[in-house]
Amino acid sequence: MTVNKIPSSRDSKKFWEEINKQKEKSRIQLAKLPFEKKIEILEQMQRDWQELMNSKSRKIPKRTGGKVKL
């Protein structure tokens, strides 16, 4: 696709079909993992999230029911 081409609805449909196929493929792969590996992944995700929350380089606004506080 060139920069000047306006995406069509058909292009968008193909794009989302491919995204959904890849997501399903990932879900199947994760479902086949042993329980211990799933726990390791979850723990790593929690550590990453905690590190992000503690980061002073970028503040993420807290959710306030639709209102953004900075």
N, C-alpha and C. Protein backbone atom coordinates (compact mmCIF):
# COMPACT_ATOMS: atom_id res chain seq x y z
N MET A 1 0.85 -1.17 0.00
CA MET A 1 0.00 0.00 0.00
C MET A 1 0.89 1.24 0.00
N THR A 2 0.58 2.17 -0.83
CA THR A 2 1.36 3.40 -0.89
C THR A 2 0.83 4.39 0.13
N VAL A 3 1.60 5.43 0.36
CA VAL A 3 1.23 6.43 1.34
C VAL A 3 -0.04 7.17 0.93
N ASN A 4 -0.22 7.41 -0.36
CA ASN A 4 -1.35 8.20 -0.82
C ASN A 4 -2.63 7.38 -1.01
N LYS A 5 -2.52 6.07 -0.96
CA LYS A 5 -3.70 5.23 -1.19
C LYS A 5 -4.61 5.28 0.03
N ILE A 6 -5.88 5.49 -0.20
CA ILE A 6 -6.86 5.49 0.87
C ILE A 6 -7.27 4.04 1.12
N PRO A 7 -7.14 3.57 2.37
CA PRO A 7 -7.50 2.18 2.64
C PRO A 7 -8.99 1.93 2.40
N SER A 8 -9.29 0.83 1.79
CA SER A 8 -10.68 0.48 1.54
C SER A 8 -11.20 -0.38 2.69
N SER A 9 -12.50 -0.56 2.72
CA SER A 9 -13.07 -1.41 3.76
C SER A 9 -12.62 -2.85 3.58
N ARG A 10 -12.35 -3.25 2.35
CA ARG A 10 -11.87 -4.60 2.08
C ARG A 10 -10.46 -4.77 2.65
N ASP A 11 -9.61 -3.74 2.51
CA ASP A 11 -8.27 -3.81 3.09
C ASP A 11 -8.36 -3.93 4.61
N SER A 12 -9.26 -3.17 5.19
CA SER A 12 -9.44 -3.21 6.64
C SER A 12 -9.93 -4.58 7.07
N LYS A 13 -10.84 -5.15 6.33
CA LYS A 13 -11.37 -6.47 6.66
C LYS A 13 -10.27 -7.52 6.60
N LYS A 14 -9.42 -7.48 5.58
CA LYS A 14 -8.30 -8.41 5.46
C LYS A 14 -7.33 -8.24 6.63
N PHE A 15 -7.06 -7.00 6.97
CA PHE A 15 -6.15 -6.69 8.07
C PHE A 15 -6.66 -7.33 9.37
N TRP A 16 -7.92 -7.09 9.70
CA TRP A 16 -8.47 -7.61 10.95
C TRP A 16 -8.61 -9.12 10.93
N GLU A 17 -8.87 -9.70 9.77
CA GLU A 17 -8.90 -11.16 9.68
C GLU A 17 -7.53 -11.74 10.02
N GLU A 18 -6.48 -11.13 9.49
CA GLU A 18 -5.13 -11.61 9.76
C GLU A 18 -4.76 -11.42 11.23
N ILE A 19 -5.12 -10.27 11.80
CA ILE A 19 -4.86 -10.03 13.23
C ILE A 19 -5.55 -11.08 14.07
N ASN A 20 -6.81 -11.36 13.77
CA ASN A 20 -7.57 -12.34 14.54
C ASN A 20 -6.99 -13.75 14.40
N LYS A 21 -6.50 -14.10 13.21
CA LYS A 21 -5.87 -15.40 13.03
C LYS A 21 -4.63 -15.52 13.90
N GLN A 22 -3.82 -14.46 13.93
CA GLN A 22 -2.59 -14.48 14.72
C GLN A 22 -2.90 -14.55 16.22
N LYS A 23 -3.93 -13.83 16.66
CA LYS A 23 -4.32 -13.88 18.06
C LYS A 23 -4.77 -15.28 18.45
N GLU A 24 -5.55 -15.90 17.59
CA GLU A 24 -6.03 -17.26 17.87
C GLU A 24 -4.85 -18.24 17.92
N LYS A 25 -3.90 -18.06 17.02
CA LYS A 25 -2.71 -18.91 17.02
C LYS A 25 -1.94 -18.76 18.33
N SER A 26 -1.80 -17.53 18.81
CA SER A 26 -1.11 -17.28 20.07
C SER A 26 -1.87 -17.89 21.25
N ARG A 27 -3.20 -17.76 21.25
CA ARG A 27 -4.02 -18.34 22.32
C ARG A 27 -3.85 -19.86 22.37
N ILE A 28 -3.81 -20.49 21.22
CA ILE A 28 -3.66 -21.95 21.17
C ILE A 28 -2.29 -22.35 21.72
N GLN A 29 -1.24 -21.61 21.33
CA GLN A 29 0.10 -21.91 21.81
C GLN A 29 0.18 -21.75 23.33
N LEU A 30 -0.41 -20.67 23.86
CA LEU A 30 -0.39 -20.44 25.30
C LEU A 30 -1.19 -21.51 26.04
N ALA A 31 -2.28 -21.97 25.46
CA ALA A 31 -3.10 -22.99 26.10
C ALA A 31 -2.35 -24.31 26.24
N LYS A 32 -1.41 -24.57 25.35
CA LYS A 32 -0.65 -25.83 25.37
C LYS A 32 0.51 -25.81 26.37
N LEU A 33 0.83 -24.64 26.90
CA LEU A 33 1.96 -24.55 27.83
C LEU A 33 1.63 -25.24 29.15
N PRO A 34 2.66 -25.78 29.81
CA PRO A 34 2.44 -26.35 31.14
C PRO A 34 2.05 -25.26 32.14
N PHE A 35 1.31 -25.66 33.17
CA PHE A 35 0.82 -24.71 34.16
C PHE A 35 1.96 -23.92 34.80
N GLU A 36 3.09 -24.56 35.08
CA GLU A 36 4.22 -23.88 35.71
C GLU A 36 4.73 -22.74 34.83
N LYS A 37 4.77 -22.98 33.52
CA LYS A 37 5.24 -21.94 32.59
C LYS A 37 4.26 -20.77 32.57
N LYS A 38 2.97 -21.07 32.63
CA LYS A 38 1.97 -20.01 32.66
C LYS A 38 2.13 -19.14 33.91
N ILE A 39 2.44 -19.78 35.04
CA ILE A 39 2.68 -19.04 36.29
C ILE A 39 3.91 -18.15 36.15
N GLU A 40 4.98 -18.67 35.54
CA GLU A 40 6.19 -17.87 35.32
C GLU A 40 5.88 -16.64 34.46
N ILE A 41 5.10 -16.83 33.41
CA ILE A 41 4.74 -15.72 32.53
C ILE A 41 3.93 -14.69 33.30
N LEU A 42 2.97 -15.14 34.09
CA LEU A 42 2.14 -14.23 34.88
C LEU A 42 2.99 -13.44 35.87
N GLU A 43 3.91 -14.12 36.55
CA GLU A 43 4.77 -13.43 37.50
C GLU A 43 5.64 -12.39 36.81
N GLN A 44 6.16 -12.71 35.63
CA GLN A 44 6.98 -11.75 34.88
C GLN A 44 6.14 -10.54 34.47
N MET A 45 4.92 -10.79 34.03
CA MET A 45 4.04 -9.69 33.64
C MET A 45 3.75 -8.78 34.84
N GLN A 46 3.55 -9.39 36.01
CA GLN A 46 3.30 -8.59 37.21
C GLN A 46 4.52 -7.77 37.61
N ARG A 47 5.73 -8.36 37.48
CA ARG A 47 6.96 -7.61 37.78
C ARG A 47 7.12 -6.45 36.81
N ASP A 48 6.86 -6.71 35.53
CA ASP A 48 6.97 -5.65 34.52
C ASP A 48 5.99 -4.53 34.80
N TRP A 49 4.76 -4.89 35.16
CA TRP A 49 3.74 -3.89 35.45
C TRP A 49 4.15 -3.06 36.67
N GLN A 50 4.64 -3.74 37.71
CA GLN A 50 5.06 -3.02 38.92
C GLN A 50 6.22 -2.08 38.61
N GLU A 51 7.15 -2.52 37.80
CA GLU A 51 8.27 -1.67 37.41
C GLU A 51 7.78 -0.45 36.64
N LEU A 52 6.83 -0.66 35.76
CA LEU A 52 6.26 0.45 35.00
C LEU A 52 5.56 1.44 35.93
N MET A 53 4.81 0.94 36.90
CA MET A 53 4.10 1.80 37.83
C MET A 53 5.06 2.59 38.71
N ASN A 54 6.21 2.00 39.02
CA ASN A 54 7.18 2.67 39.88
C ASN A 54 8.12 3.59 39.10
N SER A 55 8.04 3.55 37.79
CA SER A 55 8.93 4.33 36.95
C SER A 55 8.63 5.82 37.10
N LYS A 56 9.67 6.61 37.23
CA LYS A 56 9.50 8.05 37.34
C LYS A 56 9.67 8.73 35.99
N SER A 57 10.08 7.95 34.98
CA SER A 57 10.30 8.54 33.67
C SER A 57 9.00 8.88 32.96
N ARG A 58 7.93 8.19 33.29
CA ARG A 58 6.65 8.45 32.64
C ARG A 58 5.53 8.15 33.62
N LYS A 59 4.74 9.14 33.89
CA LYS A 59 3.60 8.96 34.78
C LYS A 59 2.39 8.57 33.97
N ILE A 60 1.70 7.55 34.42
CA ILE A 60 0.48 7.10 33.77
C ILE A 60 -0.70 7.59 34.60
N PRO A 61 -1.64 8.31 33.98
CA PRO A 61 -2.76 8.83 34.77
C PRO A 61 -3.62 7.69 35.32
N LYS A 62 -4.10 7.91 36.54
CA LYS A 62 -4.98 6.92 37.15
C LYS A 62 -6.36 7.02 36.52
N ARG A 63 -7.06 5.90 36.50
CA ARG A 63 -8.41 5.89 35.96
C ARG A 63 -9.35 6.53 36.99
N THR A 64 -10.14 7.46 36.52
CA THR A 64 -11.04 8.17 37.41
C THR A 64 -12.44 8.22 36.83
N GLY A 65 -12.90 7.12 36.29
CA GLY A 65 -14.25 7.05 35.76
C GLY A 65 -14.47 7.96 34.56
N GLY A 66 -13.52 7.97 33.63
CA GLY A 66 -13.66 8.76 32.41
C GLY A 66 -12.92 10.08 32.45
N LYS A 67 -12.59 10.56 33.64
CA LYS A 67 -11.85 11.82 33.77
C LYS A 67 -10.37 11.50 33.91
N VAL A 68 -9.53 12.26 33.24
CA VAL A 68 -8.09 12.03 33.30
C VAL A 68 -7.46 13.06 34.20
N LYS A 69 -6.74 12.59 35.23
CA LYS A 69 -6.00 13.48 36.11
C LYS A 69 -4.53 13.36 35.78
N LEU A 70 -3.86 14.47 35.62
CA LEU A 70 -2.43 14.45 35.34
C LEU A 70 -1.65 14.99 36.51
